[in-house]
Amino acid sequence: MSKTPKILHLHSTFDAGGKELRNVRLINEWGREVDHAIVSGDLEKRGAAKLLGNKARVSWPKFPALQGRPTPGRLSALAKAMAGYDLICTYNWGAIDAVMAHTVFADAFKLPPLVHHEDGFNEDEAKRLKKRRNWYRKIALGRTAALVVPSAKLEDIALNVWSQPRTRVRRIPNGIDTRAFAAPPKRDLLPGLVKHKDEFWVGTLAGLRPVKQLDVLVRAMDRMPAEWQLVIVGEGPEREELLAEAERWGVEDRVHLPGFVAEPQKLIGLFDIFALSSRSEQFPISVVEAMAAGLPIVAPRVGDIGTMVSSDNGPALVDPITGKDEEKAFARSLARLADDPVTRKRMGQANRQKAREEFDERKMIERYRALYWGLMQKYPKSE
């Protein structure tokens, strides 16, 4: 290992999603201990970079395209660009060609160990994994030092669908600074939007993308009491469609899309119910944040959500939203909680306690440090 370790991070995009925010948190935690090189396959999508701290040692090297036909020449170019580091970290399907390049050319270019991170699936694999991608993953992951997943469901997929050995798969649940979510929020935190004392908020933190099914949330407002507002915090391509859907249902005055918020710990306490409507999730960090803020959760039982929330919160969960019947059940669950402040408080308190006991970030950070440093010390870089 170099005197100052050099870690290369390969992302298809570096917008502020779950994996990127976790990556930023680890980089900020390690400060000047590590030199980090970050690659975003889409240079226009690097929103999470705004959250890097002043002490973070980060560079943005030029790098071959992460997407394209996996020809020998292209894979060789990717492998060559990965040389000279102490550890390579790749993230999700968007960086899988780099994983394949490492498996094929690691010896030729004397490459360091590679850790692949799988956090979930996009719209194209939300309902069913693609056979060709499963086959490709099996081969590409053949020489990785570790495959990190945050959820039990992904761990099962890694072991039984992608045929990875037990010794390679590491489940590290996402964690947060749970205490930071306890402070009372300011009612005028969001530009142009103030929470009044006589109103309540259903809130969510999500990229405005089809897989999140945020239109389901918009339509659910038709069943909610008039004093309830919907606040969707995030950015993405579906913004105009969601606003149009709100107009179609006559709830445009109660649906708010304030954009991305860099510090959710200052905002999420304004919500009275946290709602998630996704078609596909694994271990959503936003649910942990809502739990830490003492909120009840209304969500489908996708990924690990059913085991993440407290047992008190279980009755508020619904079946995965795949049609009108499940959408109606989701809206009914929201409406029931809206009418029951006692239950909301009880669920929220149980969620906060569980978040602090099981999902605090210190445990997550320690496990990532042990994995990364262990590999760098075991396989020192060839000089």
Protein backbone atom coordinates (compact mmCIF):
# COMPACT_ATOMS: atom_id res chain seq x y z
CA MET A 1 0.00 0.00 0.00
CA SER A 2 1.24 3.50 -0.81
CA LYS A 3 2.12 5.86 2.03
CA THR A 4 -1.14 7.67 1.26
CA PRO A 5 -3.55 5.07 -0.18
CA LYS A 6 -5.00 5.83 -3.61
CA ILE A 7 -8.56 4.60 -4.24
CA LEU A 8 -10.29 4.80 -7.63
CA HIS A 9 -14.11 5.06 -7.63
CA LEU A 10 -15.99 4.26 -10.86
CA HIS A 11 -19.62 5.48 -11.09
CA SER A 12 -21.91 5.67 -14.12
CA THR A 13 -23.13 8.99 -12.67
CA PHE A 14 -22.24 10.92 -9.53
CA ASP A 15 -25.57 12.60 -8.88
CA ALA A 16 -26.80 12.64 -5.30
CA GLY A 17 -28.29 9.15 -4.96
CA GLY A 18 -27.88 6.60 -2.21
CA LYS A 19 -24.60 5.04 -3.30
CA GLU A 20 -23.04 8.41 -4.15
CA LEU A 21 -24.00 9.97 -0.82
CA ARG A 22 -22.56 6.98 1.04
CA ASN A 23 -19.38 7.28 -1.02
CA VAL A 24 -19.14 10.98 -0.16
CA ARG A 25 -19.71 10.23 3.53
CA LEU A 26 -16.83 7.75 3.58
CA ILE A 27 -14.53 10.11 1.65
CA ASN A 28 -15.29 12.95 4.05
CA GLU A 29 -14.79 10.67 7.06
CA TRP A 30 -11.29 9.64 5.94
CA GLY A 31 -10.27 13.18 5.02
CA ARG A 32 -6.58 13.51 4.22
CA GLU A 33 -5.87 9.85 4.97
CA VAL A 34 -6.67 8.81 1.38
CA ASP A 35 -6.29 10.16 -2.16
CA HIS A 36 -9.54 9.47 -4.01
CA ALA A 37 -10.01 9.55 -7.79
CA ILE A 38 -13.67 9.70 -8.85
CA VAL A 39 -14.96 8.91 -12.33
CA SER A 40 -18.50 9.81 -13.37
CA GLY A 41 -19.48 8.20 -16.66
CA ASP A 42 -21.76 11.19 -17.28
CA LEU A 43 -19.82 14.40 -16.69
CA GLU A 44 -23.05 16.40 -16.52
CA LYS A 45 -24.23 14.38 -13.52
CA ARG A 46 -21.89 15.09 -10.63
CA GLY A 47 -24.26 16.71 -8.13
CA ALA A 48 -22.95 14.73 -5.16
CA ALA A 49 -19.55 16.42 -5.57
CA LYS A 50 -21.04 19.53 -3.94
CA LEU A 51 -21.13 17.61 -0.65
CA LEU A 52 -17.42 16.73 -0.55
CA GLY A 53 -15.75 18.31 2.46
CA ASN A 54 -12.80 20.72 2.45
CA LYS A 55 -10.42 18.06 3.76
CA ALA A 56 -11.35 15.48 1.10
CA ARG A 57 -8.47 14.72 -1.28
CA VAL A 58 -10.27 14.13 -4.56
CA SER A 59 -9.27 14.22 -8.23
CA TRP A 60 -11.36 13.67 -11.38
CA PRO A 61 -9.13 11.82 -13.86
CA LYS A 62 -9.89 11.44 -17.54
CA PHE A 63 -11.06 7.90 -18.09
CA PRO A 64 -12.27 5.71 -20.98
CA ALA A 65 -16.05 5.47 -21.41
CA LEU A 66 -17.62 3.10 -18.88
CA GLN A 67 -20.37 2.09 -21.32
CA GLY A 68 -20.05 0.47 -24.74
CA ARG A 69 -19.42 -2.87 -26.41
CA PRO A 70 -17.14 -5.00 -24.23
CA THR A 71 -14.56 -5.61 -26.96
CA PRO A 72 -11.05 -6.77 -25.99
CA GLY A 73 -9.61 -3.42 -27.05
CA ARG A 74 -12.03 -1.41 -24.97
CA LEU A 75 -11.65 -3.66 -21.91
CA SER A 76 -7.88 -3.42 -22.24
CA ALA A 77 -8.09 0.39 -22.28
CA LEU A 78 -10.26 0.33 -19.14
CA ALA A 79 -7.81 -1.99 -17.38
CA LYS A 80 -4.83 0.16 -18.30
CA ALA A 81 -6.56 3.22 -16.83
CA MET A 82 -7.11 1.35 -13.53
CA ALA A 83 -3.40 0.75 -12.95
CA GLY A 84 -1.46 2.67 -10.32
CA TYR A 85 -4.03 2.64 -7.52
CA ASP A 86 -4.17 0.69 -4.27
CA LEU A 87 -7.86 -0.20 -4.54
CA ILE A 88 -10.57 0.01 -7.19
CA CYS A 89 -14.21 0.52 -6.19
CA THR A 90 -16.93 0.02 -8.81
CA TYR A 91 -20.62 0.74 -8.40
CA ASN A 92 -23.70 -0.96 -9.90
CA TRP A 93 -24.36 -2.16 -13.44
CA GLY A 94 -23.11 1.09 -14.95
CA ALA A 95 -19.51 0.17 -14.05
CA ILE A 96 -19.69 -3.57 -14.73
CA ASP A 97 -17.49 -3.37 -17.85
CA ALA A 98 -14.67 -2.07 -15.65
CA VAL A 99 -15.19 -5.12 -13.42
CA MET A 100 -14.93 -7.37 -16.49
CA ALA A 101 -11.80 -5.54 -17.61
CA HIS A 102 -10.24 -6.16 -14.20
CA THR A 103 -11.10 -9.86 -14.30
CA VAL A 104 -9.62 -10.30 -17.79
CA PHE A 105 -6.55 -8.05 -17.56
CA ALA A 106 -5.65 -7.82 -13.84
CA ASP A 107 -2.44 -9.82 -14.27
CA ALA A 108 -1.36 -8.10 -17.49
CA PHE A 109 -1.58 -4.62 -15.93
CA LYS A 110 -0.75 -5.61 -12.33
CA LEU A 111 -4.04 -4.21 -11.08
CA PRO A 112 -4.91 -3.78 -7.39
CA PRO A 113 -7.86 -5.56 -5.75
CA LEU A 114 -11.35 -4.52 -6.85
CA VAL A 115 -14.45 -4.17 -4.66
CA HIS A 116 -17.75 -4.08 -6.52
CA HIS A 117 -20.78 -2.46 -4.85
CA GLU A 118 -24.34 -3.37 -5.88
CA ASP A 119 -27.04 -1.16 -4.37
CA GLY A 120 -30.07 -2.05 -6.48
CA PHE A 121 -31.58 -1.90 -9.91
CA ASN A 122 -32.93 0.74 -12.25
CA GLU A 123 -36.25 0.76 -14.12
CA ASP A 124 -35.04 -1.80 -16.66
CA GLU A 125 -34.55 -4.46 -13.95
CA ALA A 126 -37.07 -3.32 -11.36
CA LYS A 127 -39.50 -6.16 -12.02
CA ARG A 128 -37.18 -8.93 -13.21
CA LEU A 129 -33.43 -9.32 -13.58
CA LYS A 130 -32.21 -9.75 -17.15
CA LYS A 131 -30.74 -13.17 -17.92
CA ARG A 132 -27.96 -11.81 -20.12
CA ARG A 133 -26.93 -9.36 -17.40
CA ASN A 134 -26.94 -12.12 -14.79
CA TRP A 135 -24.67 -14.17 -17.04
CA TYR A 136 -22.37 -11.21 -17.63
CA ARG A 137 -22.21 -10.40 -13.91
CA LYS A 138 -21.25 -14.00 -13.05
CA ILE A 139 -18.23 -13.79 -15.36
CA ALA A 140 -17.27 -10.20 -14.60
CA LEU A 141 -17.28 -10.76 -10.84
CA GLY A 142 -14.98 -13.76 -11.15
CA ARG A 143 -11.89 -12.10 -9.70
CA THR A 144 -13.29 -9.38 -7.47
CA ALA A 145 -11.89 -9.24 -3.96
CA ALA A 146 -15.33 -8.49 -2.53
CA LEU A 147 -18.91 -7.82 -3.60
CA VAL A 148 -20.61 -5.42 -1.18
CA VAL A 149 -24.41 -5.29 -0.88
CA PRO A 150 -26.54 -3.35 1.64
CA SER A 151 -29.58 -5.64 1.84
CA ALA A 152 -30.49 -9.25 2.58
CA LYS A 153 -32.35 -9.49 -0.73
CA LEU A 154 -29.29 -8.43 -2.72
CA GLU A 155 -27.15 -10.79 -0.69
CA ASP A 156 -29.44 -13.65 -1.71
CA ILE A 157 -29.24 -12.59 -5.38
CA ALA A 158 -25.45 -12.40 -5.22
CA LEU A 159 -25.17 -15.88 -3.73
CA ASN A 160 -27.90 -17.74 -5.61
CA VAL A 161 -28.40 -15.89 -8.92
CA TRP A 162 -24.90 -14.59 -9.62
CA SER A 163 -23.30 -17.68 -8.04
CA GLN A 164 -20.80 -15.75 -5.94
CA PRO A 165 -18.91 -17.60 -3.20
CA ARG A 166 -19.94 -16.88 0.38
CA THR A 167 -16.43 -15.62 1.19
CA ARG A 168 -16.69 -12.87 -1.45
CA VAL A 169 -20.10 -11.41 -0.57
CA ARG A 170 -20.19 -8.81 2.22
CA ARG A 171 -23.46 -7.34 3.47
CA ILE A 172 -22.90 -3.88 4.97
CA PRO A 173 -26.19 -2.12 5.75
CA ASN A 174 -26.26 1.59 5.00
CA GLY A 175 -25.94 3.79 8.07
CA ILE A 176 -26.43 7.44 8.97
CA ASP A 177 -25.62 9.86 11.78
CA THR A 178 -28.88 9.08 13.55
CA ARG A 179 -28.45 11.76 16.24
CA ALA A 180 -28.27 14.51 13.61
CA PHE A 181 -31.94 13.89 12.72
CA ALA A 182 -33.25 14.66 16.21
CA ALA A 183 -32.94 18.47 16.06
CA PRO A 184 -36.20 20.39 15.46
CA PRO A 185 -36.34 21.75 11.89
CA LYS A 186 -36.99 25.30 10.77
CA ARG A 187 -40.43 25.72 9.19
CA ASP A 188 -39.06 28.06 6.48
CA LEU A 189 -36.10 25.91 5.49
CA LEU A 190 -37.26 25.32 1.91
CA PRO A 191 -37.14 28.28 -0.50
CA GLY A 192 -40.64 29.50 -1.27
CA LEU A 193 -42.29 26.91 0.99
CA VAL A 194 -43.19 27.40 4.64
CA LYS A 195 -44.87 24.80 6.81
CA HIS A 196 -47.80 26.45 8.57
CA LYS A 197 -48.89 25.39 12.05
CA ASP A 198 -52.29 24.21 10.87
CA GLU A 199 -51.01 21.83 8.18
CA PHE A 200 -49.33 18.44 7.95
CA TRP A 201 -46.82 17.08 5.44
CA VAL A 202 -46.45 13.74 3.71
CA GLY A 203 -42.86 13.80 2.54
CA THR A 204 -40.37 11.77 0.56
CA LEU A 205 -36.77 12.03 -0.59
CA ALA A 206 -36.35 10.55 -4.05
CA GLY A 207 -34.94 11.06 -7.50
CA LEU A 208 -37.76 12.02 -9.86
CA ARG A 209 -37.48 8.86 -11.94
CA PRO A 210 -40.04 6.30 -13.18
CA VAL A 211 -38.88 3.51 -10.85
CA LYS A 212 -39.88 5.67 -7.86
CA GLN A 213 -43.55 5.76 -9.02
CA LEU A 214 -44.05 9.20 -7.50
CA ASP A 215 -47.23 9.66 -9.51
CA VAL A 216 -48.77 7.14 -7.09
CA LEU A 217 -48.03 9.55 -4.25
CA VAL A 218 -49.52 12.46 -6.18
CA ARG A 219 -52.77 10.57 -6.81
CA ALA A 220 -52.96 9.47 -3.18
CA MET A 221 -53.36 13.11 -2.16
CA ASP A 222 -56.90 12.98 -3.55
CA ARG A 223 -57.83 10.82 -0.50
CA MET A 224 -55.97 12.91 2.08
CA PRO A 225 -57.60 15.55 4.30
CA ALA A 226 -57.36 19.12 3.01
CA GLU A 227 -54.78 20.18 5.61
CA TRP A 228 -52.24 17.64 4.31
CA GLN A 229 -49.54 18.65 1.79
CA LEU A 230 -47.21 16.44 -0.29
CA VAL A 231 -43.53 17.45 -0.43
CA ILE A 232 -41.29 15.50 -2.83
CA VAL A 233 -37.64 16.45 -2.30
CA GLY A 234 -35.32 15.56 -5.17
CA GLU A 235 -34.42 16.21 -8.78
CA GLY A 236 -34.92 14.24 -11.98
CA PRO A 237 -36.51 13.99 -15.41
CA GLU A 238 -40.11 13.42 -14.23
CA ARG A 239 -40.62 16.82 -12.64
CA GLU A 240 -42.97 18.25 -15.27
CA GLU A 241 -44.94 15.01 -15.57
CA LEU A 242 -45.55 14.96 -11.81
CA LEU A 243 -46.74 18.57 -11.81
CA ALA A 244 -49.06 17.77 -14.72
CA GLU A 245 -50.44 14.75 -12.83
CA ALA A 246 -51.15 16.96 -9.83
CA GLU A 247 -53.12 19.30 -12.07
CA ARG A 248 -55.10 16.41 -13.57
CA TRP A 249 -56.16 15.33 -10.07
CA GLY A 250 -56.85 18.85 -8.85
CA VAL A 251 -54.24 18.72 -6.08
CA GLU A 252 -51.64 21.02 -7.62
CA ASP A 253 -51.98 23.48 -4.71
CA ARG A 254 -50.99 20.70 -2.27
CA VAL A 255 -48.11 19.11 -4.20
CA HIS A 256 -44.66 20.69 -3.84
CA LEU A 257 -41.39 19.82 -5.59
CA PRO A 258 -38.72 22.03 -3.99
CA GLY A 259 -35.76 20.26 -5.63
CA PHE A 260 -32.68 18.68 -4.06
CA VAL A 261 -31.77 19.37 -0.43
CA ALA A 262 -28.15 18.78 0.56
CA GLU A 263 -28.78 18.26 4.28
CA PRO A 264 -31.85 16.06 4.79
CA GLN A 265 -31.26 15.99 8.55
CA LYS A 266 -32.38 19.64 8.66
CA LEU A 267 -35.53 18.98 6.63
CA ILE A 268 -37.01 15.57 7.26
CA GLY A 269 -38.36 16.47 10.70
CA LEU A 270 -40.87 18.75 8.96
CA PHE A 271 -42.64 15.67 7.63
CA ASP A 272 -45.44 14.03 9.62
CA ILE A 273 -45.46 10.85 7.52
CA PHE A 274 -42.65 9.57 5.33
CA ALA A 275 -43.94 7.84 2.20
CA LEU A 276 -42.12 5.74 -0.35
CA SER A 277 -43.82 4.38 -3.48
CA SER A 278 -40.96 2.75 -5.38
CA ARG A 279 -41.27 -0.26 -7.63
CA SER A 280 -37.77 -1.38 -6.63
CA GLU A 281 -35.64 -0.70 -3.56
CA GLN A 282 -33.05 -2.62 -1.59
CA PHE A 283 -32.02 -0.81 1.60
CA PRO A 284 -33.19 2.78 1.05
CA ILE A 285 -31.18 5.21 3.14
CA SER A 286 -34.10 7.67 3.09
CA VAL A 287 -36.15 5.21 5.16
CA VAL A 288 -33.39 5.07 7.77
CA GLU A 289 -33.27 8.88 7.82
CA ALA A 290 -37.03 9.06 8.32
CA MET A 291 -36.83 6.49 11.12
CA ALA A 292 -34.07 8.48 12.82
CA ALA A 293 -36.29 11.57 12.65
CA GLY A 294 -39.04 9.67 14.45
CA LEU A 295 -41.45 9.34 11.53
CA PRO A 296 -43.95 6.61 10.64
CA ILE A 297 -43.30 5.02 7.23
CA VAL A 298 -45.86 4.15 4.57
CA ALA A 299 -44.24 2.06 1.84
CA PRO A 300 -44.52 -1.14 -0.17
CA ARG A 301 -42.73 -4.21 1.12
CA VAL A 302 -39.90 -4.13 -1.40
CA GLY A 303 -36.25 -4.94 -0.72
CA ASP A 304 -35.50 -4.93 3.01
CA ILE A 305 -38.09 -2.32 4.02
CA GLY A 306 -40.24 -4.87 5.85
CA THR A 307 -37.36 -5.76 8.19
CA MET A 308 -35.94 -2.24 8.42
CA VAL A 309 -38.94 -0.56 10.08
CA SER A 310 -40.02 -1.30 13.64
CA SER A 311 -42.62 -3.97 14.30
CA ASP A 312 -45.00 -1.18 15.37
CA ASN A 313 -44.73 0.29 11.86
CA GLY A 314 -45.41 -3.02 10.08
CA PRO A 315 -49.19 -2.52 9.66
CA ALA A 316 -48.59 0.67 7.62
CA LEU A 317 -46.69 -1.22 4.91
CA VAL A 318 -48.47 -2.53 1.81
CA ASP A 319 -47.85 -5.06 -0.94
CA PRO A 320 -45.57 -4.00 -3.83
CA ILE A 321 -47.42 -1.48 -5.99
CA THR A 322 -47.95 -3.21 -9.33
CA GLY A 323 -51.53 -2.19 -10.17
CA LYS A 324 -54.59 -0.21 -9.14
CA ASP A 325 -55.51 -2.47 -6.20
CA GLU A 326 -52.10 -2.05 -4.55
CA GLU A 327 -52.16 1.68 -5.29
CA LYS A 328 -55.53 1.97 -3.51
CA ALA A 329 -54.16 0.04 -0.53
CA PHE A 330 -51.20 2.43 -0.39
CA ALA A 331 -53.51 5.48 -0.43
CA ARG A 332 -55.71 3.94 2.28
CA SER A 333 -52.70 3.34 4.52
CA LEU A 334 -51.67 6.98 4.14
CA ALA A 335 -55.20 8.22 4.87
CA ARG A 336 -55.51 6.02 7.98
CA LEU A 337 -52.30 7.42 9.46
CA ALA A 338 -53.33 10.95 8.56
CA ASP A 339 -56.41 10.49 10.77
CA ASP A 340 -54.54 8.87 13.68
CA PRO A 341 -51.92 11.11 15.35
CA VAL A 342 -51.52 8.73 18.31
CA THR A 343 -50.48 5.86 16.05
CA ARG A 344 -48.19 8.15 14.06
CA LYS A 345 -46.36 9.12 17.24
CA ARG A 346 -46.09 5.54 18.50
CA MET A 347 -44.73 4.25 15.17
CA GLY A 348 -42.31 7.15 14.90
CA GLN A 349 -40.86 6.64 18.38
CA ALA A 350 -40.35 2.91 17.74
CA ASN A 351 -38.67 3.67 14.41
CA ARG A 352 -36.30 6.20 16.00
CA GLN A 353 -35.23 3.71 18.65
CA LYS A 354 -34.56 0.98 16.07
CA ALA A 355 -32.60 3.35 13.81
CA ARG A 356 -30.30 4.34 16.66
CA GLU A 357 -29.77 0.76 17.78
CA GLU A 358 -29.20 -0.84 14.37
CA PHE A 359 -28.46 1.72 11.65
CA ASP A 360 -26.03 4.27 13.04
CA GLU A 361 -23.26 5.14 10.61
CA ARG A 362 -20.35 4.39 12.92
CA LYS A 363 -20.82 0.66 12.46
CA MET A 364 -21.05 1.07 8.66
CA ILE A 365 -17.92 3.24 8.47
CA GLU A 366 -15.91 0.81 10.62
CA ARG A 367 -16.89 -2.12 8.39
CA TYR A 368 -15.93 -0.31 5.19
CA ARG A 369 -12.62 0.74 6.69
CA ALA A 370 -11.86 -2.82 7.78
CA LEU A 371 -12.67 -4.15 4.30
CA TYR A 372 -10.80 -1.53 2.25
CA TRP A 373 -7.70 -1.26 4.42
CA GLY A 374 -7.56 -5.01 4.90
CA LEU A 375 -7.44 -5.56 1.14
CA MET A 376 -4.89 -2.80 0.53
CA GLN A 377 -2.56 -4.21 3.18
CA LYS A 378 -3.02 -7.80 1.98
CA TYR A 379 -2.33 -6.94 -1.67
CA PRO A 380 0.15 -4.03 -1.66
CA LYS A 381 0.60 -2.21 -4.96
CA SER A 382 3.51 -3.32 -7.12
CA GLU A 383 6.02 -0.49 -7.47
